[in-house]
Amino acid sequence: MQYIFLVLAIVFEVIGTTAMAASHQFTKLVPVVILVVSYGLAFYFLSITLKTLPVGIAYAVWSGLGIVFISLVGYVAMGQKLDFAAAIGMSMIVGGVIVIQLFSKTAGH
């Protein structure tokens, strides 16, 4: 269950970040409302996750997967491109999350 809550936290954080970009510096009401609600839900689900998962592990997964997902949203929905160095860097982040999940005893399996 802890990873379901963590994935929900990540999804809502990505929605909130996407809405932030669409808000045009908080000048459009609907994206601002989506942003506030999404971030509220993201932190709520993250707080549930932190009951059973160490904060460092949860935050590593949250930030690592969040970076990848928001980059994919930026690419697909906003036409933002990543260069080779950015793709390599994100691959290393994902690799770090995988190492934590497979080999760390603190990952809470």
C-alpha atoms as a PDB file:
ATOM      1  CA  MET A   1       0.000   0.000   0.000  1.00  0.00           C
ATOM      2  CA  GLN A   2       2.833   2.407   0.810  1.00  0.00           C
ATOM      3  CA  TYR A   3       3.984   2.472  -2.800  1.00  0.00           C
ATOM      4  CA  ILE A   4       0.459   3.090  -4.075  1.00  0.00           C
ATOM      5  CA  PHE A   5       0.293   6.194  -1.871  1.00  0.00           C
ATOM      6  CA  LEU A   6       3.752   7.236  -3.045  1.00  0.00           C
ATOM      7  CA  VAL A   7       2.755   6.852  -6.707  1.00  0.00           C
ATOM      8  CA  LEU A   8      -0.386   8.903  -6.030  1.00  0.00           C
ATOM      9  CA  ALA A   9       1.777  11.578  -4.414  1.00  0.00           C
ATOM     10  CA  ILE A  10       4.027  11.639  -7.471  1.00  0.00           C
ATOM     11  CA  VAL A  11       1.100  11.769  -9.909  1.00  0.00           C
ATOM     12  CA  PHE A  12      -0.514  14.685  -8.067  1.00  0.00           C
ATOM     13  CA  GLU A  13       2.831  16.492  -7.869  1.00  0.00           C
ATOM     14  CA  VAL A  14       3.257  16.121 -11.639  1.00  0.00           C
ATOM     15  CA  ILE A  15      -0.296  17.394 -12.206  1.00  0.00           C
ATOM     16  CA  GLY A  16       0.422  20.349  -9.924  1.00  0.00           C
ATOM     17  CA  THR A  17       3.673  21.176 -11.683  1.00  0.00           C
ATOM     18  CA  THR A  18       1.985  20.951 -15.080  1.00  0.00           C
ATOM     19  CA  ALA A  19      -0.759  23.281 -13.832  1.00  0.00           C
ATOM     20  CA  MET A  20       1.916  25.654 -12.548  1.00  0.00           C
ATOM     21  CA  ALA A  21       3.349  25.951 -16.048  1.00  0.00           C
ATOM     22  CA  ALA A  22      -0.162  26.500 -17.439  1.00  0.00           C
ATOM     23  CA  SER A  23      -0.960  29.183 -14.844  1.00  0.00           C
ATOM     24  CA  HIS A  24       1.356  31.715 -16.526  1.00  0.00           C
ATOM     25  CA  GLN A  25       2.812  33.027 -13.251  1.00  0.00           C
ATOM     26  CA  PHE A  26      -0.472  32.552 -11.359  1.00  0.00           C
ATOM     27  CA  THR A  27      -2.505  34.731 -13.736  1.00  0.00           C
ATOM     28  CA  LYS A  28      -4.996  32.017 -14.831  1.00  0.00           C
ATOM     29  CA  LEU A  29      -7.438  30.921 -12.150  1.00  0.00           C
ATOM     30  CA  VAL A  30      -8.280  27.350 -13.210  1.00  0.00           C
ATOM     31  CA  PRO A  31      -4.656  26.157 -13.418  1.00  0.00           C
ATOM     32  CA  VAL A  32      -3.922  27.848 -10.071  1.00  0.00           C
ATOM     33  CA  VAL A  33      -6.818  25.979  -8.424  1.00  0.00           C
ATOM     34  CA  ILE A  34      -5.639  22.693  -9.966  1.00  0.00           C
ATOM     35  CA  LEU A  35      -2.111  23.456  -8.764  1.00  0.00           C
ATOM     36  CA  VAL A  36      -3.173  24.108  -5.157  1.00  0.00           C
ATOM     37  CA  VAL A  37      -5.462  21.067  -4.961  1.00  0.00           C
ATOM     38  CA  SER A  38      -2.905  18.790  -6.636  1.00  0.00           C
ATOM     39  CA  TYR A  39      -0.055  19.857  -4.372  1.00  0.00           C
ATOM     40  CA  GLY A  40      -2.304  19.467  -1.328  1.00  0.00           C
ATOM     41  CA  LEU A  41      -3.147  15.904  -2.372  1.00  0.00           C
ATOM     42  CA  ALA A  42       0.485  15.182  -3.249  1.00  0.00           C
ATOM     43  CA  PHE A  43       1.697  16.175   0.203  1.00  0.00           C
ATOM     44  CA  TYR A  44      -1.201  14.363   1.865  1.00  0.00           C
ATOM     45  CA  PHE A  45      -0.311  11.085   0.117  1.00  0.00           C
ATOM     46  CA  LEU A  46       3.388  11.649   0.782  1.00  0.00           C
ATOM     47  CA  SER A  47       2.629  12.085   4.486  1.00  0.00           C
ATOM     48  CA  ILE A  48       0.776   8.756   4.512  1.00  0.00           C
ATOM     49  CA  THR A  49       3.771   7.140   2.823  1.00  0.00           C
ATOM     50  CA  LEU A  50       6.114   8.515   5.486  1.00  0.00           C
ATOM     51  CA  LYS A  51       4.313   6.507   8.171  1.00  0.00           C
ATOM     52  CA  THR A  52       5.969   3.347   6.869  1.00  0.00           C
ATOM     53  CA  LEU A  53       8.791   4.394   4.554  1.00  0.00           C
ATOM     54  CA  PRO A  54      11.924   6.293   5.621  1.00  0.00           C
ATOM     55  CA  VAL A  55      11.816   9.924   4.517  1.00  0.00           C
ATOM     56  CA  GLY A  56      15.069   9.674   2.536  1.00  0.00           C
ATOM     57  CA  ILE A  57      13.872   6.671   0.545  1.00  0.00           C
ATOM     58  CA  ALA A  58      10.429   8.164  -0.071  1.00  0.00           C
ATOM     59  CA  TYR A  59      11.930  11.457  -1.166  1.00  0.00           C
ATOM     60  CA  ALA A  60      14.450   9.763  -3.462  1.00  0.00           C
ATOM     61  CA  VAL A  61      11.679   7.876  -5.244  1.00  0.00           C
ATOM     62  CA  TRP A  62       9.372  10.939  -5.230  1.00  0.00           C
ATOM     63  CA  SER A  63      11.953  13.271  -6.732  1.00  0.00           C
ATOM     64  CA  GLY A  64      13.498  10.751  -9.130  1.00  0.00           C
ATOM     65  CA  LEU A  65      10.272   9.546 -10.662  1.00  0.00           C
ATOM     66  CA  GLY A  66       8.766  13.034 -10.501  1.00  0.00           C
ATOM     67  CA  ILE A  67      11.622  14.374 -12.630  1.00  0.00           C
ATOM     68  CA  VAL A  68      11.127  11.652 -15.217  1.00  0.00           C
ATOM     69  CA  PHE A  69       7.329  11.965 -15.337  1.00  0.00           C
ATOM     70  CA  ILE A  70       7.291  15.763 -15.560  1.00  0.00           C
ATOM     71  CA  SER A  71       9.926  15.595 -18.299  1.00  0.00           C
ATOM     72  CA  LEU A  72       7.711  13.180 -20.229  1.00  0.00           C
ATOM     73  CA  VAL A  73       4.703  15.474 -19.778  1.00  0.00           C
ATOM     74  CA  GLY A  74       6.819  18.419 -20.931  1.00  0.00           C
ATOM     75  CA  TYR A  75       7.911  16.484 -24.007  1.00  0.00           C
ATOM     76  CA  VAL A  76       4.484  15.096 -24.950  1.00  0.00           C
ATOM     77  CA  ALA A  77       2.163  17.942 -23.937  1.00  0.00           C
ATOM     78  CA  MET A  78       4.379  21.018 -24.249  1.00  0.00           C
ATOM     79  CA  GLY A  79       6.825  20.065 -26.980  1.00  0.00           C
ATOM     80  CA  GLN A  80       9.843  20.524 -24.713  1.00  0.00           C
ATOM     81  CA  LYS A  81      12.890  18.615 -25.855  1.00  0.00           C
ATOM     82  CA  LEU A  82      15.685  17.112 -23.783  1.00  0.00           C
ATOM     83  CA  ASP A  83      19.256  16.945 -24.957  1.00  0.00           C
ATOM     84  CA  PHE A  84      21.466  13.882 -24.645  1.00  0.00           C
ATOM     85  CA  ALA A  85      23.067  15.037 -21.383  1.00  0.00           C
ATOM     86  CA  ALA A  86      19.642  15.540 -19.774  1.00  0.00           C
ATOM     87  CA  ALA A  87      18.529  12.069 -20.871  1.00  0.00           C
ATOM     88  CA  ILE A  88      21.718  10.520 -19.451  1.00  0.00           C
ATOM     89  CA  GLY A  89      21.310  12.417 -16.175  1.00  0.00           C
ATOM     90  CA  MET A  90      17.706  11.284 -15.794  1.00  0.00           C
ATOM     91  CA  SER A  91      18.727   7.722 -16.597  1.00  0.00           C
ATOM     92  CA  MET A  92      21.236   7.918 -13.757  1.00  0.00           C
ATOM     93  CA  ILE A  93      18.529   9.185 -11.394  1.00  0.00           C
ATOM     94  CA  VAL A  94      16.227   6.313 -12.369  1.00  0.00           C
ATOM     95  CA  GLY A  95      19.155   3.931 -11.952  1.00  0.00           C
ATOM     96  CA  GLY A  96      19.688   5.251  -8.428  1.00  0.00           C
ATOM     97  CA  VAL A  97      16.035   4.695  -7.559  1.00  0.00           C
ATOM     98  CA  ILE A  98      16.247   1.144  -8.935  1.00  0.00           C
ATOM     99  CA  VAL A  99      19.390   0.426  -6.891  1.00  0.00           C
ATOM    100  CA  ILE A 100      17.644   1.687  -3.752  1.00  0.00           C
ATOM    101  CA  GLN A 101      14.585  -0.448  -4.422  1.00  0.00           C
ATOM    102  CA  LEU A 102      16.508  -3.609  -5.252  1.00  0.00           C
ATOM    103  CA  PHE A 103      19.390  -3.495  -2.803  1.00  0.00           C
ATOM    104  CA  SER A 104      18.651  -1.164   0.100  1.00  0.00           C
ATOM    105  CA  LYS A 105      17.392  -2.718   3.303  1.00  0.00           C
ATOM    106  CA  THR A 106      15.870   0.655   4.267  1.00  0.00           C
ATOM    107  CA  ALA A 107      13.517   0.666   1.279  1.00  0.00           C
ATOM    108  CA  GLY A 108      10.809  -0.990   3.364  1.00  0.00           C
ATOM    109  CA  HIS A 109      10.021  -4.042   1.241  1.00  0.00           C
END
